[in-house]
Protein backbone atom coordinates (compact mmCIF):
# COMPACT_ATOMS: atom_id res chain seq x y z
CA MET A 1 -6.35 -8.21 67.97
CA ALA A 2 -4.17 -6.91 70.90
CA TRP A 3 -1.29 -6.83 68.69
CA ILE A 4 -3.64 -5.03 65.64
CA GLY A 5 -5.04 -2.82 68.22
CA GLY A 6 -1.41 -1.50 69.65
CA GLY A 7 0.22 -1.67 66.24
CA LEU A 8 -2.83 1.17 65.31
CA ALA A 9 -2.46 2.87 68.50
CA LEU A 10 1.53 3.25 67.48
CA ALA A 11 1.15 4.18 63.98
CA ILE A 12 -1.58 7.28 64.90
CA LEU A 13 1.19 8.39 67.68
CA ILE A 14 3.97 8.31 65.17
CA LEU A 15 2.06 9.84 62.15
CA SER A 16 0.21 12.11 64.50
CA PRO A 17 2.68 15.06 64.35
CA ILE A 18 2.68 15.05 60.60
CA VAL A 19 -0.79 15.34 60.26
CA SER A 20 -1.01 17.96 62.92
CA LEU A 21 1.88 19.79 61.15
CA GLY A 22 -0.52 20.10 58.07
CA VAL A 23 -3.40 21.27 60.05
CA SER A 24 -1.41 23.94 62.05
CA ALA A 25 -0.34 25.42 58.88
CA LEU A 26 -3.18 25.82 57.43
CA GLY A 27 -4.82 27.54 60.34
CA GLY A 28 -2.62 30.45 59.64
CA THR A 29 -4.02 33.84 58.06
CA SER A 30 -3.75 34.10 54.27
CA GLU A 31 -1.19 37.27 54.62
CA LEU A 32 1.03 35.07 56.62
CA TRP A 33 2.52 32.79 54.04
CA PRO A 34 3.40 35.54 51.58
CA HIS A 35 5.25 37.41 54.57
CA LEU A 36 7.07 34.37 55.29
CA ALA A 37 7.81 33.55 51.58
CA ALA A 38 9.35 36.84 50.98
CA HIS A 39 11.13 37.94 53.97
CA VAL A 40 11.96 34.79 55.99
CA LEU A 41 12.49 31.43 53.74
CA PRO A 42 14.82 32.99 51.36
CA GLN A 43 17.31 33.81 53.80
CA ALA A 44 16.60 30.78 56.05
CA MET A 45 16.66 28.31 52.75
CA ARG A 46 19.93 29.92 51.76
CA ASP A 47 21.54 29.39 54.72
CA THR A 48 20.27 26.21 55.17
CA GLY A 49 21.51 25.04 51.79
CA LEU A 50 24.88 26.33 52.22
CA LEU A 51 25.03 24.75 55.55
CA LEU A 52 23.94 21.12 54.25
CA ALA A 53 26.32 21.65 51.35
CA GLY A 54 29.56 22.24 53.32
CA ILE A 55 28.66 20.02 55.86
CA GLY A 56 28.54 17.36 53.14
CA VAL A 57 31.60 17.91 51.60
CA LEU A 58 33.55 18.32 54.53
CA VAL A 59 32.46 15.41 56.60
CA VAL A 60 32.80 12.99 53.39
CA VAL A 61 36.70 14.55 53.21
CA ILE A 62 37.53 13.86 57.13
CA GLY A 63 35.20 10.78 57.50
CA ALA A 64 36.09 8.47 54.32
CA GLY A 65 39.65 10.12 54.31
CA SER A 66 40.20 9.13 58.02
CA ALA A 67 38.59 5.67 57.50
CA TRP A 68 41.00 4.85 54.62
CA LEU A 69 43.84 6.31 56.75
CA VAL A 70 43.63 3.56 59.43
CA SER A 71 42.38 0.90 56.87
CA ALA A 72 45.24 1.04 54.78
CA TYR A 73 48.05 2.03 56.46
CA ALA A 74 50.14 0.82 59.58
CA PHE A 75 51.72 3.22 61.70
CA PRO A 76 52.21 3.93 65.33
CA GLY A 77 49.34 5.01 67.29
CA ARG A 78 47.10 3.68 64.53
CA ARG A 79 44.98 1.39 67.04
CA TRP A 80 44.60 4.61 69.11
CA LEU A 81 43.22 6.65 66.26
CA GLU A 82 40.79 3.82 65.24
CA ALA A 83 39.09 4.41 68.37
CA GLY A 84 39.91 7.97 69.04
CA LEU A 85 37.92 9.29 65.79
CA LEU A 86 34.64 7.91 67.42
CA LEU A 87 34.92 10.02 70.35
CA PRO A 88 33.46 13.34 68.63
CA LEU A 89 30.12 11.24 68.55
CA ALA A 90 30.07 12.15 72.29
CA VAL A 91 30.02 16.16 72.05
CA PRO A 92 26.72 17.36 70.94
CA THR A 93 26.92 20.16 68.24
CA TYR A 94 25.86 22.61 70.45
CA ILE A 95 28.46 21.84 72.88
CA VAL A 96 31.41 22.37 70.68
CA ALA A 97 29.84 25.94 69.55
CA TYR A 98 29.33 26.46 73.06
CA ALA A 99 33.22 25.99 74.05
CA TYR A 100 34.90 27.44 70.93
CA LEU A 101 32.83 30.66 71.06
CA ASP A 102 34.43 31.12 74.74
CA LEU A 103 37.67 29.91 73.62
CA MET A 104 37.82 32.24 70.31
CA HIS A 105 36.44 35.17 72.15
CA PRO A 106 38.14 38.26 71.92
CA ILE A 107 39.29 38.15 75.43
CA GLY A 108 39.19 34.22 75.37
CA PRO A 109 42.50 32.31 76.35
CA VAL A 110 43.26 31.88 72.49
CA GLN A 111 43.48 35.37 71.24
CA SER A 112 44.81 36.48 74.40
CA ALA A 113 47.78 34.33 74.28
CA MET A 114 48.29 35.23 70.57
CA ARG A 115 48.19 39.15 71.88
CA GLY A 116 50.59 38.32 74.24
CA LEU A 117 53.19 36.67 71.73
CA LEU A 118 52.79 39.19 69.28
CA GLY A 119 53.04 42.02 71.77
CA VAL A 120 49.53 43.54 70.88
CA ALA A 121 48.02 45.42 73.64
CA ARG A 122 44.34 45.97 72.62
CA PRO A 123 41.81 43.11 71.56
CA GLY A 124 40.61 45.26 68.43
CA ASP A 125 44.35 45.45 67.35
CA LEU A 126 44.29 41.82 66.49
CA VAL A 127 41.71 40.62 63.92
CA LEU A 128 40.93 36.73 63.61
CA PRO A 129 38.39 35.40 61.22
CA ASP A 130 34.94 35.70 63.30
CA LEU A 131 33.79 32.10 64.42
CA ARG A 132 30.20 33.57 64.34
CA SER A 133 29.53 33.09 60.45
CA MET A 134 28.65 30.42 58.15
CA PRO A 135 32.25 28.93 57.49
CA GLY A 136 33.02 28.78 61.29
CA CYS A 137 29.58 26.99 61.71
CA ILE A 138 30.22 24.77 58.43
CA VAL A 139 33.93 23.86 60.15
CA LEU A 140 32.89 22.98 63.32
CA LEU A 141 29.58 20.91 62.93
CA ALA A 142 31.90 18.94 60.25
CA PHE A 143 34.23 18.05 63.04
CA VAL A 144 31.55 16.81 65.05
CA LEU A 145 29.37 14.86 62.54
CA TYR A 146 32.29 13.05 60.37
CA PRO A 147 32.23 9.80 62.67
CA TYR A 148 28.73 9.34 60.96
CA VAL A 149 30.84 8.83 57.66
CA TYR A 150 33.84 7.49 59.46
CA LEU A 151 32.15 4.46 60.84
CA PRO A 152 30.31 2.82 58.10
CA THR A 153 32.94 3.74 55.54
CA ARG A 154 35.73 2.01 57.75
CA ALA A 155 33.29 -1.15 57.94
CA LEU A 156 32.80 -1.25 54.34
CA PHE A 157 36.79 -1.11 53.53
CA LEU A 158 37.50 -3.73 56.13
CA MET A 159 35.07 -6.09 54.41
CA GLN A 160 36.50 -5.52 51.18
CA ALA A 161 38.25 -8.11 49.40
CA GLY A 162 41.86 -7.09 49.55
CA GLY A 163 42.93 -8.50 45.99
CA LEU A 164 40.95 -5.32 44.59
CA VAL A 165 42.97 -2.99 45.92
CA GLU A 166 46.21 -5.01 45.40
CA ALA A 167 45.48 -5.21 42.12
CA ALA A 168 45.19 -1.56 41.40
CA ARG A 169 48.56 -1.26 43.12
CA THR A 170 50.11 -4.10 40.81
CA LEU A 171 48.82 -2.24 37.95
CA GLY A 172 50.96 0.78 38.99
CA HIS A 173 48.23 3.13 40.44
CA GLN A 174 49.74 5.47 43.51
CA PRO A 175 48.03 5.94 46.35
CA GLY A 176 45.90 8.54 45.73
CA ALA A 177 44.38 7.04 42.68
CA VAL A 178 43.84 3.50 44.20
CA PHE A 179 41.59 5.54 46.99
CA LEU A 180 39.79 7.73 44.52
CA ARG A 181 39.09 5.49 41.83
CA VAL A 182 38.67 2.22 43.58
CA ALA A 183 38.15 2.37 47.36
CA LEU A 184 35.88 5.32 47.00
CA PRO A 185 33.69 3.93 44.44
CA LEU A 186 33.28 0.67 46.35
CA ALA A 187 32.56 2.84 49.39
CA ARG A 188 29.55 5.03 47.94
CA PRO A 189 26.92 3.07 49.67
CA ALA A 190 28.45 3.90 53.39
CA ILE A 191 29.26 7.14 52.63
CA ALA A 192 25.87 7.85 51.20
CA ILE A 193 24.57 6.67 54.47
CA GLY A 194 26.78 8.21 56.83
CA VAL A 195 26.11 11.78 54.85
CA SER A 196 22.47 11.60 55.08
CA LEU A 197 22.67 10.75 58.89
CA ALA A 198 25.18 13.57 59.56
CA LEU A 199 23.16 16.11 57.52
CA MET A 200 19.81 15.10 59.19
CA GLU A 201 21.89 15.84 63.00
CA ALA A 202 22.99 19.08 61.08
CA LEU A 203 19.46 20.04 60.17
CA ASN A 204 17.94 19.07 63.61
CA ASP A 205 20.70 21.39 65.21
CA VAL A 206 19.44 24.50 67.21
CA GLY A 207 22.17 25.72 69.45
CA ALA A 208 25.00 25.70 67.28
CA ALA A 209 23.45 27.56 64.60
CA GLU A 210 22.28 30.12 66.57
CA PHE A 211 24.92 30.78 68.97
CA LEU A 212 27.06 31.17 65.50
CA GLY A 213 24.74 33.26 63.80
CA VAL A 214 23.70 31.04 60.94
CA ARG A 215 19.57 31.34 60.70
CA THR A 216 18.61 27.95 59.13
CA LEU A 217 15.19 26.80 59.11
CA THR A 218 15.27 25.08 62.37
CA VAL A 219 16.39 28.67 63.98
CA GLN A 220 13.77 30.25 62.18
CA VAL A 221 10.91 27.74 63.61
CA TYR A 222 12.17 28.16 66.99
CA ALA A 223 11.95 32.28 66.52
CA THR A 224 8.74 32.47 65.11
CA TRP A 225 7.25 30.27 67.60
CA ILE A 226 8.82 31.62 70.60
CA ASN A 227 9.87 34.99 70.04
CA ARG A 228 6.64 35.91 68.10
CA SER A 229 4.14 33.53 69.49
CA ASP A 230 3.14 32.71 65.82
CA LEU A 231 2.42 28.74 65.97
CA PRO A 232 0.89 28.81 62.17
CA GLY A 233 3.98 30.45 61.06
CA ALA A 234 6.31 28.03 62.71
CA ALA A 235 4.31 25.02 61.48
CA GLN A 236 4.16 26.57 57.99
CA ILE A 237 8.68 26.55 58.24
CA ALA A 238 8.70 23.47 59.70
CA LEU A 239 6.64 21.81 57.04
CA VAL A 240 9.43 23.02 54.41
CA MET A 241 11.97 21.56 56.83
CA LEU A 242 9.80 18.28 56.15
CA VAL A 243 10.04 18.53 52.60
CA LEU A 244 14.12 18.89 52.88
CA VAL A 245 14.02 15.88 55.14
CA LEU A 246 12.49 13.67 52.54
CA ALA A 247 14.55 15.15 49.87
CA LEU A 248 17.79 14.26 51.92
CA VAL A 249 16.12 10.54 52.17
CA ALA A 250 15.61 10.41 48.66
CA ALA A 251 18.94 11.87 47.84
CA GLU A 252 20.47 8.74 50.08
CA ARG A 253 18.52 6.26 48.32
CA TRP A 254 19.75 7.70 44.71
CA ALA A 255 23.35 7.70 45.91
CA ARG A 256 22.86 3.89 46.72
CA ARG A 257 20.75 3.03 43.80
CA GLY A 258 21.91 -0.13 41.93
CA ARG A 259 25.19 -0.45 44.50
CA GLY A 260 25.17 -4.10 45.71
CA TYR A 261 28.26 -6.05 46.50
CA ALA A 262 28.58 -9.65 47.13
CA ALA A 263 31.65 -11.71 48.55
CA THR A 264 32.36 -15.35 47.25
CA ALA A 265 31.40 -18.29 49.20
CA ARG A 266 35.11 -18.13 50.95
CA SER A 267 35.82 -15.31 53.32
CA PRO A 268 37.46 -12.60 51.60
CA ARG A 269 40.93 -12.00 52.05
CA PRO A 270 41.79 -8.71 54.17
CA MET A 271 43.30 -5.64 52.66
CA VAL A 272 47.12 -5.84 53.69
CA ARG A 273 48.16 -2.58 55.41
CA GLN A 274 51.00 -0.63 53.83
CA THR A 275 53.71 0.35 56.69
CA LEU A 276 54.66 3.83 57.01
CA THR A 277 57.93 4.93 58.44
CA GLY A 278 59.65 8.08 59.59
CA TRP A 279 58.07 11.54 58.95
CA ARG A 280 54.96 9.41 56.66
CA ALA A 281 53.69 7.80 59.44
CA ALA A 282 54.50 11.21 61.83
CA LEU A 283 52.29 12.96 58.80
CA ALA A 284 49.69 9.95 58.71
CA PHE A 285 49.05 10.37 62.68
CA GLY A 286 49.31 13.77 62.89
CA LEU A 287 46.34 13.87 60.11
CA GLY A 288 44.09 11.60 62.07
CA LEU A 289 44.93 13.14 65.28
CA THR A 290 43.51 16.74 63.90
CA PRO A 291 39.68 15.81 63.65
CA VAL A 292 40.11 14.14 67.19
CA ALA A 293 41.44 16.98 68.55
CA ILE A 294 39.19 19.41 67.07
CA GLY A 295 36.18 17.53 67.77
CA PHE A 296 36.94 15.97 71.05
CA LEU A 297 39.73 16.70 72.69
CA ILE A 298 40.19 20.54 72.56
CA PRO A 299 36.41 21.34 73.71
CA ALA A 300 36.44 18.48 76.10
CA ALA A 301 39.60 19.60 77.93
CA TYR A 302 38.11 23.29 77.83
CA LEU A 303 34.97 22.06 79.44
CA ALA A 304 36.71 20.29 82.13
CA HIS A 305 39.16 23.30 83.24
CA GLY A 306 36.07 25.42 83.17
CA ALA A 307 33.83 23.17 85.34
CA VAL A 308 36.97 23.09 87.76
CA ALA A 309 37.91 26.51 87.77
CA ARG A 310 34.30 27.50 88.58
CA PHE A 311 33.76 24.85 91.29
CA LEU A 312 36.97 26.56 92.77
CA ARG A 313 35.95 29.63 92.37
CA VAL A 314 31.90 29.43 93.87
CA GLY A 315 30.99 25.89 94.06
CA LEU A 316 28.30 24.26 91.67
CA PRO A 317 25.28 25.78 90.49
CA SER A 318 22.69 25.59 92.95
CA THR A 319 20.30 24.58 90.17
CA LEU A 320 22.29 21.70 89.29
CA PRO A 321 20.88 19.03 91.16
CA ALA A 322 17.10 19.84 90.06
CA GLU A 323 18.68 19.71 86.43
CA ILE A 324 20.37 16.16 86.82
CA LEU A 325 17.18 15.14 88.38
CA ASN A 326 14.82 16.27 85.55
CA THR A 327 17.42 15.04 82.80
CA ILE A 328 17.57 11.73 84.14
CA LEU A 329 13.58 11.33 85.06
CA TYR A 330 12.32 12.55 81.53
CA ALA A 331 14.99 10.45 80.06
CA ALA A 332 14.63 7.54 82.17
CA ILE A 333 10.93 7.30 81.57
CA ALA A 334 11.13 7.91 78.01
CA THR A 335 13.83 4.98 77.57
CA VAL A 336 12.01 2.37 79.26
CA ILE A 337 8.76 3.11 77.35
CA ALA A 338 10.55 3.27 74.15
CA THR A 339 12.32 0.11 75.15
CA VAL A 340 9.60 -1.96 75.81
CA ILE A 341 7.51 -0.70 72.49
CA GLY A 342 10.61 -1.33 70.53
CA LEU A 343 11.09 -4.94 71.64
CA LEU A 344 7.38 -5.61 71.07
CA VAL A 345 7.51 -4.05 67.55
CA ALA A 346 10.99 -5.93 66.85
CA ALA A 347 9.45 -9.05 67.77
CA ALA A 348 6.07 -8.65 66.05
CA PRO A 349 7.17 -10.05 62.76
CA ARG A 350 7.93 -13.41 64.43
CA LEU A 351 5.05 -13.60 66.77
CA ALA A 352 2.33 -11.95 65.42
CA SER A 353 2.01 -11.11 61.91
CA PRO A 354 5.28 -10.60 59.72
CA ARG A 355 3.07 -8.15 57.41
CA ILE A 356 1.76 -5.95 60.26
CA GLY A 357 5.13 -5.87 62.34
CA GLY A 358 6.96 -5.10 58.63
CA ALA A 359 4.62 -2.18 58.63
CA LEU A 360 5.09 -1.02 62.29
CA ILE A 361 8.60 -0.77 61.59
CA ARG A 362 8.71 1.14 58.79
CA ILE A 363 6.02 3.47 60.37
CA ALA A 364 7.98 3.74 63.46
CA SER A 365 11.41 4.50 61.63
CA LEU A 366 9.53 7.49 60.52
CA GLY A 367 9.90 9.36 64.01
CA TYR A 368 13.70 9.31 63.94
CA ALA A 369 13.78 11.04 60.72
CA LEU A 370 11.73 14.10 61.89
CA PRO A 371 13.97 16.66 63.61
CA GLY A 372 13.31 17.80 66.93
CA THR A 373 11.72 21.34 66.14
CA ILE A 374 9.28 19.86 63.47
CA LEU A 375 8.29 16.97 66.12
CA ALA A 376 7.90 19.62 68.68
CA VAL A 377 5.36 21.98 66.65
CA GLY A 378 3.60 18.96 65.23
CA LEU A 379 2.90 17.39 68.66
CA LEU A 380 0.87 20.47 69.76
CA GLY A 381 -2.15 19.72 68.21
CA PRO A 382 -2.58 16.05 68.95
CA LEU A 383 -1.42 16.94 72.53
CA ALA A 384 -3.98 19.62 72.91
CA LEU A 385 -6.81 16.85 71.51
CA ALA A 386 -5.98 14.48 74.04
CA ASP A 387 -6.33 17.18 76.76
CA GLU A 388 -9.76 17.99 75.69
CA GLY A 389 -10.97 14.84 74.91
CA LEU A 390 -9.81 13.55 78.76
CA SER A 391 -11.22 16.82 80.35
CA ARG A 392 -14.62 16.22 78.34
CA PHE A 393 -15.00 12.51 79.65
CA THR A 394 -13.85 12.98 83.12
CA GLU A 395 -16.46 15.83 83.24
CA ALA A 396 -19.05 14.04 81.89
CA ALA A 397 -17.96 10.79 83.94
CA PHE A 398 -17.10 12.10 87.35
CA GLY A 399 -18.12 16.16 87.26
CA THR A 400 -14.75 17.34 87.33
CA SER A 401 -12.03 18.12 84.86
CA PRO A 402 -8.16 17.22 85.70
CA ALA A 403 -5.45 19.82 85.03
CA LEU A 404 -3.27 19.26 82.23
CA ILE A 405 -1.68 15.99 81.50
CA GLY A 406 -0.26 16.50 78.29
CA LEU A 407 0.57 19.87 76.70
CA GLY A 408 2.66 21.91 79.18
CA THR A 409 3.47 19.09 81.31
CA GLY A 410 6.33 16.02 81.28
CA SER A 411 4.23 14.16 79.28
CA ALA A 412 4.72 16.22 76.34
CA LEU A 413 8.48 15.99 76.67
CA VAL A 414 8.46 12.02 77.13
CA THR A 415 6.14 11.79 74.23
CA ALA A 416 8.41 13.56 71.90
CA TYR A 417 11.50 11.73 73.07
CA LEU A 418 9.41 8.11 72.62
CA VAL A 419 8.55 9.43 68.85
CA ARG A 420 11.74 10.50 67.99
CA PHE A 421 14.11 7.80 69.62
CA LEU A 422 11.63 4.76 69.25
CA ALA A 423 13.39 3.57 66.01
CA VAL A 424 16.56 3.48 67.91
CA GLY A 425 15.15 0.77 70.05
CA ILE A 426 13.35 -1.02 67.76
CA GLY A 427 16.65 -1.36 65.29
CA THR A 428 18.78 -2.79 68.24
CA CYS A 429 16.26 -5.07 69.44
CA GLU A 430 15.58 -6.40 65.74
CA ALA A 431 19.17 -6.75 65.61
CA GLY A 432 19.05 -9.02 68.93
CA LEU A 433 16.67 -10.97 67.86
CA ALA A 434 17.24 -11.61 64.32
CA ARG A 435 20.45 -13.70 65.68
CA LEU A 436 18.18 -16.37 67.57
CA PRO A 437 16.65 -18.99 65.17
CA GLN A 438 12.98 -19.01 64.45
CA SER A 439 12.79 -22.55 65.94
CA MET A 440 13.10 -20.95 69.11
CA PRO A 441 9.55 -19.05 69.50
CA ASP A 442 8.13 -21.91 67.51
CA ALA A 443 9.05 -24.25 69.65
CA ALA A 444 7.58 -22.17 72.89
CA ARG A 445 4.36 -21.62 70.88
CA MET A 446 3.64 -25.51 70.36
CA LEU A 447 4.22 -26.36 73.89
CA GLY A 448 1.38 -23.91 74.49
CA ARG A 449 3.32 -20.37 75.10
CA GLY A 450 1.36 -17.65 73.74
CA PRO A 451 3.17 -14.53 72.15
CA ALA A 452 3.88 -12.60 74.93
CA ALA A 453 4.92 -15.81 77.10
CA ALA A 454 7.25 -16.71 74.08
CA LEU A 455 8.98 -13.18 74.01
CA ARG A 456 9.21 -13.26 77.99
CA GLN A 457 10.38 -16.52 78.86
CA VAL A 458 12.37 -17.20 75.60
CA GLN A 459 13.76 -14.75 73.31
CA LEU A 460 14.20 -11.74 75.93
CA PRO A 461 16.83 -13.69 78.26
CA LEU A 462 18.88 -14.39 75.02
CA ALA A 463 18.76 -11.44 72.96
CA TRP A 464 18.89 -8.95 76.44
CA PRO A 465 22.85 -7.44 75.56
CA ALA A 466 21.19 -5.82 72.40
CA VAL A 467 17.98 -4.92 74.08
CA LEU A 468 20.30 -3.17 77.00
CA SER A 469 22.59 -1.04 74.67
CA GLY A 470 19.36 -0.01 72.71
CA ALA A 471 18.40 1.59 75.74
CA LEU A 472 21.51 3.00 77.04
CA LEU A 473 21.74 4.85 73.21
CA ILE A 474 17.69 6.15 73.90
CA PHE A 475 19.12 7.33 77.01
CA VAL A 476 21.80 9.19 75.98
CA ASP A 477 20.13 10.63 72.84
CA CYS A 478 17.10 11.77 75.00
CA VAL A 479 19.86 13.81 77.77
CA LYS A 480 21.73 15.09 74.32
CA GLU A 481 18.39 16.29 72.59
CA LEU A 482 17.94 20.36 72.44
CA PRO A 483 15.13 21.43 70.34
CA ALA A 484 12.36 19.06 71.52
CA THR A 485 13.18 19.59 74.96
CA LEU A 486 13.68 23.33 74.63
CA LEU A 487 10.29 23.63 73.20
CA LEU A 488 8.30 21.30 75.08
CA ARG A 489 9.49 20.96 78.81
CA PRO A 490 6.89 22.37 81.26
CA LEU A 491 7.51 25.88 82.30
CA ASN A 492 10.05 26.66 85.20
CA VAL A 493 11.79 23.09 84.52
CA GLU A 494 15.20 22.93 83.30
CA THR A 495 17.35 20.03 81.98
CA LEU A 496 21.35 20.12 81.56
CA ALA A 497 20.40 20.58 77.82
CA THR A 498 18.26 23.97 78.36
CA HIS A 499 20.56 25.14 80.82
CA LEU A 500 23.44 25.28 78.43
CA TYR A 501 21.36 26.77 75.93
CA GLY A 502 20.21 29.55 79.05
CA GLU A 503 23.98 30.09 80.08
CA ALA A 504 25.12 30.82 76.28
CA ALA A 505 22.34 32.99 74.82
CA ARG A 506 23.39 35.09 77.80
CA GLY A 507 26.80 34.89 77.18
CA THR A 508 27.92 33.45 80.79
CA TYR A 509 29.66 30.76 79.21
CA GLU A 510 31.93 29.52 82.43
CA ASP A 511 28.39 28.99 84.28
CA GLY A 512 27.42 26.54 81.69
CA THR A 513 30.64 24.34 81.46
CA VAL A 514 29.57 22.25 84.67
CA ALA A 515 26.33 21.32 82.55
CA ALA A 516 28.15 20.72 79.15
CA LEU A 517 30.61 18.50 81.08
CA LEU A 518 28.20 16.13 82.37
CA ILE A 519 26.24 15.70 78.86
CA VAL A 520 29.70 14.70 77.48
CA LEU A 521 30.13 11.98 80.01
CA VAL A 522 26.70 10.39 79.36
CA GLY A 523 27.66 11.09 75.68
CA LEU A 524 30.81 8.57 76.25
CA ILE A 525 28.22 5.62 77.01
CA PRO A 526 27.75 5.12 73.17
CA VAL A 527 31.37 5.57 72.14
CA ALA A 528 32.32 3.04 74.71
CA LEU A 529 29.39 0.89 73.60
CA LEU A 530 30.81 0.98 70.04
CA LEU A 531 34.29 0.46 71.26
CA ARG A 532 33.43 -2.83 72.99
CA LEU A 533 31.65 -4.04 70.05
CA ASP A 534 34.67 -3.45 68.15
CA GLY A 535 37.42 -4.80 70.25
CA PRO A 536 40.46 -6.23 69.35
CA GLY A 537 38.92 -9.67 68.78
CA ARG A 538 36.74 -8.10 66.02
CA ARG A 539 39.56 -5.85 64.04
CA ARG A 540 41.59 -7.12 61.46
């Protein structure tokens, strides 16, 4: 009964934002939807569609191309590129936009250097393509999000039998034809998963799109709620976003339909890399280094230089200690709760009921598919109802009403983090527990241990590396999350992400470099974990 009750409470928590979103959308006036449909949604849908289409094409080209480059060819520096191509995962999209806007500003370092080389005196005399545009947004976001395609595609290339590629080479196919006609079709399931994740992240973005002048659905939700104080309108736009999210999930499933591959009983012979020398090796290294430089090295170097320059000039921002404390506090609380619940949900199929546990895992996974903006709007109703119910109970029982404990407090932000990133904890814990034989918890149960004792005394000590890695990933995701933090943080409370957003909105880029650099350094944690799991002993 405890497992059933806990599972029901968790399901209500995960599903309540979606139900609340529909209720809030129905609460708008009859004139509101025609106005949104006529004046807001057409541009937002057009910009969102163009943005996702452009990013989808580019992440496939960059991600799959770089994965094939380091999997099929051997050249000096290839092992460095294998690791380096993951580095853009450490940089949130809004930080890359923040960095390049200052770098490419008319009086920024890039254009100033070009004017000096060309002998141009005034900024207006040297006109470069405007970064605040749809093409600029597509290019920048694609060079940050391509690792979502690179990582699974490279893993699939390494797992495929080398005989398939060698047979194509034997039949006279050139390297380009081998990639397009053999390797790429085989990698379609991995590419579909990677593209769907990249597009989910792009749809969740609010900072980069707003900085770069692209009015996506996410930006319109934020503007409608905050700037116009129109919650029903924001909920209606969020519902359109939810439909788009479901369409992305369906498209990913469709792209992987009927694609299943099985190896023989023997381990497949790995693909033999072709050795490149001379100018071909230099070209391959240059092609692989380009996305690393654009997506990580250039913005990270800019942030480090700006942070040092600001520190030497005026010192650290006076608000920085409080912002670091707020960021760590909210992220740590959400991480502990999500890790504990994730472990219990992942263990439920083994210790309680396979049917209940499987249903809980599927329901909990829905939260990760909800962009932070949708989640923030959807949580307002449930949090308000929780505050009202608690107030009535305490008024009847004790004759006094407490202050708000949900809406407008840190509890709202922690709840949003929990709903959004619980699937990360469940996934890592599930992977760790799956490596343990079922006989272990069964033996503990036969010796008189209950489900909780079997989990605590047997499974957790053996699966703790996976549990710890999941906790680190949740913590980093919470630190980097901008939309939900921006919309649900308590009044007068700033985190590193919201501080950076505020500085960029005011155009004071140098004042935000310290916060941005700290976020990037925290973001390197999951990259280090991935590199550790994919160390030399695991590579082919």
